[in-house]
Amino acid sequence: MPKLKTKSSCKKRFKVTAKGRVKAGQAGKRHGMIKRTNKFIRDARGTTTLSKADEQIIKPMMPYAR
């Protein structure tokens, strides 16, 4: 069988945790921080796990992610 290709955009943006959840950077922090609340900026630090519905979209694009 030929090897399957991983989607390059997913390779750069997502990691799969040991339990199989998909980890991604927080959205909404590229620009416009002046209008965001301090609470939003504080809560949006680091990474987050995607919802189940979003995981189902991403996982087929990363066939070798464990």
N, C-alpha and C. Protein backbone atom coordinates (compact mmCIF):
# COMPACT_ATOMS: atom_id res chain seq x y z
N MET A 1 0.83 -1.20 0.00
CA MET A 1 0.00 0.00 0.00
C MET A 1 0.87 1.25 0.00
N PRO A 2 0.45 2.26 -0.73
CA PRO A 2 1.22 3.52 -0.69
C PRO A 2 1.01 4.24 0.63
N LYS A 3 1.95 5.10 0.94
CA LYS A 3 1.82 5.90 2.16
C LYS A 3 0.73 6.93 1.97
N LEU A 4 0.06 7.28 3.07
CA LEU A 4 -0.94 8.34 3.05
C LEU A 4 -0.27 9.66 3.35
N LYS A 5 -0.77 10.71 2.76
CA LYS A 5 -0.18 12.03 3.01
C LYS A 5 -0.91 12.75 4.13
N THR A 6 -0.12 13.40 4.97
CA THR A 6 -0.67 14.26 6.02
C THR A 6 -0.86 15.65 5.44
N LYS A 7 -1.99 16.28 5.76
CA LYS A 7 -2.26 17.64 5.31
C LYS A 7 -1.26 18.58 5.98
N SER A 8 -0.51 19.33 5.17
CA SER A 8 0.55 20.18 5.72
C SER A 8 0.02 21.24 6.67
N SER A 9 -1.17 21.78 6.38
CA SER A 9 -1.73 22.81 7.25
C SER A 9 -2.03 22.24 8.63
N CYS A 10 -2.47 20.99 8.69
CA CYS A 10 -2.77 20.35 9.98
C CYS A 10 -1.49 20.01 10.73
N LYS A 11 -0.49 19.60 9.98
CA LYS A 11 0.79 19.25 10.59
C LYS A 11 1.36 20.44 11.35
N LYS A 12 1.16 21.65 10.81
CA LYS A 12 1.70 22.85 11.43
C LYS A 12 0.88 23.34 12.61
N ARG A 13 -0.44 23.06 12.60
CA ARG A 13 -1.34 23.71 13.55
C ARG A 13 -1.81 22.84 14.71
N PHE A 14 -1.77 21.51 14.56
CA PHE A 14 -2.38 20.64 15.56
C PHE A 14 -1.43 19.56 16.04
N LYS A 15 -1.65 19.13 17.29
CA LYS A 15 -0.96 17.97 17.85
C LYS A 15 -2.03 17.07 18.44
N VAL A 16 -1.76 15.77 18.52
CA VAL A 16 -2.71 14.85 19.12
C VAL A 16 -2.16 14.43 20.48
N THR A 17 -3.00 14.51 21.50
CA THR A 17 -2.59 14.17 22.85
C THR A 17 -2.55 12.65 23.02
N ALA A 18 -2.06 12.19 24.17
CA ALA A 18 -1.96 10.76 24.43
C ALA A 18 -3.33 10.09 24.46
N LYS A 19 -4.34 10.83 24.87
CA LYS A 19 -5.70 10.27 24.90
C LYS A 19 -6.41 10.39 23.56
N GLY A 20 -5.75 11.01 22.57
CA GLY A 20 -6.34 11.09 21.24
C GLY A 20 -7.11 12.36 20.96
N ARG A 21 -7.11 13.29 21.90
CA ARG A 21 -7.77 14.58 21.64
C ARG A 21 -6.84 15.44 20.78
N VAL A 22 -7.39 16.43 20.10
CA VAL A 22 -6.60 17.29 19.23
C VAL A 22 -6.35 18.61 19.95
N LYS A 23 -5.08 18.98 20.05
CA LYS A 23 -4.66 20.19 20.75
C LYS A 23 -4.35 21.28 19.72
N ALA A 24 -4.82 22.50 19.97
CA ALA A 24 -4.62 23.60 19.03
C ALA A 24 -4.39 24.89 19.80
N GLY A 25 -3.82 25.87 19.11
CA GLY A 25 -3.64 27.19 19.71
C GLY A 25 -4.97 27.90 19.86
N GLN A 26 -5.04 28.81 20.81
CA GLN A 26 -6.27 29.56 21.03
C GLN A 26 -6.56 30.50 19.87
N ALA A 27 -7.81 30.61 19.51
CA ALA A 27 -8.22 31.49 18.41
C ALA A 27 -8.48 32.90 18.93
N GLY A 28 -8.42 33.86 18.02
CA GLY A 28 -8.83 35.22 18.34
C GLY A 28 -7.78 36.09 18.99
N LYS A 29 -6.50 35.76 18.79
CA LYS A 29 -5.45 36.54 19.46
C LYS A 29 -4.44 37.15 18.48
N ARG A 30 -4.79 37.24 17.21
CA ARG A 30 -3.83 37.75 16.22
C ARG A 30 -3.75 39.27 16.23
N HIS A 31 -4.89 39.93 16.36
CA HIS A 31 -4.89 41.39 16.32
C HIS A 31 -6.13 41.87 17.06
N GLY A 32 -6.21 43.19 17.29
CA GLY A 32 -7.38 43.75 17.97
C GLY A 32 -7.39 43.50 19.46
N MET A 33 -6.21 43.33 20.06
CA MET A 33 -6.14 43.05 21.49
C MET A 33 -6.62 44.24 22.34
N ILE A 34 -6.56 45.43 21.77
CA ILE A 34 -6.93 46.62 22.54
C ILE A 34 -8.40 46.59 22.93
N LYS A 35 -9.22 45.98 22.08
CA LYS A 35 -10.66 45.94 22.38
C LYS A 35 -11.06 44.70 23.18
N ARG A 36 -10.18 43.76 23.36
CA ARG A 36 -10.48 42.55 24.13
C ARG A 36 -10.37 42.86 25.62
N THR A 37 -11.13 42.13 26.41
CA THR A 37 -11.03 42.33 27.85
C THR A 37 -9.78 41.63 28.37
N ASN A 38 -9.31 42.08 29.53
CA ASN A 38 -8.15 41.43 30.14
C ASN A 38 -8.46 39.98 30.47
N LYS A 39 -9.67 39.70 30.85
CA LYS A 39 -10.09 38.33 31.17
C LYS A 39 -9.98 37.43 29.94
N PHE A 40 -10.41 37.94 28.78
CA PHE A 40 -10.32 37.16 27.54
C PHE A 40 -8.86 36.84 27.22
N ILE A 41 -8.00 37.86 27.30
CA ILE A 41 -6.59 37.67 26.96
C ILE A 41 -5.94 36.66 27.91
N ARG A 42 -6.27 36.76 29.18
CA ARG A 42 -5.74 35.85 30.18
C ARG A 42 -6.21 34.42 29.93
N ASP A 43 -7.49 34.26 29.65
CA ASP A 43 -8.05 32.92 29.43
C ASP A 43 -7.60 32.29 28.12
N ALA A 44 -7.17 33.11 27.17
CA ALA A 44 -6.80 32.61 25.85
C ALA A 44 -5.31 32.32 25.72
N ARG A 45 -4.59 32.26 26.81
CA ARG A 45 -3.17 31.91 26.76
C ARG A 45 -3.01 30.42 26.45
N GLY A 46 -1.88 30.08 25.87
CA GLY A 46 -1.55 28.68 25.68
C GLY A 46 -2.38 27.99 24.61
N THR A 47 -2.74 26.73 24.88
CA THR A 47 -3.46 25.92 23.90
C THR A 47 -4.77 25.44 24.49
N THR A 48 -5.59 24.85 23.64
CA THR A 48 -6.87 24.29 24.05
C THR A 48 -7.11 23.02 23.26
N THR A 49 -8.06 22.20 23.71
CA THR A 49 -8.43 21.01 22.94
C THR A 49 -9.67 21.32 22.12
N LEU A 50 -9.72 20.74 20.94
CA LEU A 50 -10.85 20.99 20.05
C LEU A 50 -12.07 20.20 20.50
N SER A 51 -13.23 20.65 20.05
CA SER A 51 -14.46 19.92 20.34
C SER A 51 -14.49 18.63 19.53
N LYS A 52 -15.39 17.73 19.91
CA LYS A 52 -15.49 16.44 19.21
C LYS A 52 -15.82 16.64 17.73
N ALA A 53 -16.71 17.59 17.44
CA ALA A 53 -17.09 17.84 16.05
C ALA A 53 -15.91 18.31 15.22
N ASP A 54 -15.09 19.19 15.79
CA ASP A 54 -13.91 19.68 15.08
C ASP A 54 -12.86 18.60 14.94
N GLU A 55 -12.75 17.74 15.94
CA GLU A 55 -11.79 16.63 15.86
C GLU A 55 -12.09 15.72 14.68
N GLN A 56 -13.37 15.47 14.42
CA GLN A 56 -13.75 14.58 13.33
C GLN A 56 -13.36 15.16 11.98
N ILE A 57 -13.22 16.47 11.89
CA ILE A 57 -12.78 17.10 10.65
C ILE A 57 -11.27 16.98 10.50
N ILE A 58 -10.54 17.16 11.60
CA ILE A 58 -9.07 17.21 11.57
C ILE A 58 -8.43 15.84 11.48
N LYS A 59 -8.94 14.88 12.22
CA LYS A 59 -8.26 13.56 12.31
C LYS A 59 -8.05 12.85 10.98
N PRO A 60 -9.01 12.88 10.04
CA PRO A 60 -8.72 12.22 8.74
C PRO A 60 -7.58 12.88 7.96
N MET A 61 -7.31 14.13 8.26
CA MET A 61 -6.22 14.82 7.57
C MET A 61 -4.86 14.48 8.15
N MET A 62 -4.84 13.78 9.30
CA MET A 62 -3.58 13.40 9.96
C MET A 62 -3.60 11.89 10.20
N PRO A 63 -3.39 11.10 9.14
CA PRO A 63 -3.56 9.65 9.27
C PRO A 63 -2.58 8.96 10.20
N TYR A 64 -1.41 9.55 10.43
CA TYR A 64 -0.40 8.89 11.25
C TYR A 64 -0.29 9.47 12.65
N ALA A 65 -1.16 10.38 13.01
CA ALA A 65 -1.13 10.96 14.36
C ALA A 65 -1.61 9.90 15.34
N ARG A 66 -0.91 9.76 16.42
CA ARG A 66 -1.27 8.75 17.42
C ARG A 66 -2.10 9.38 18.51
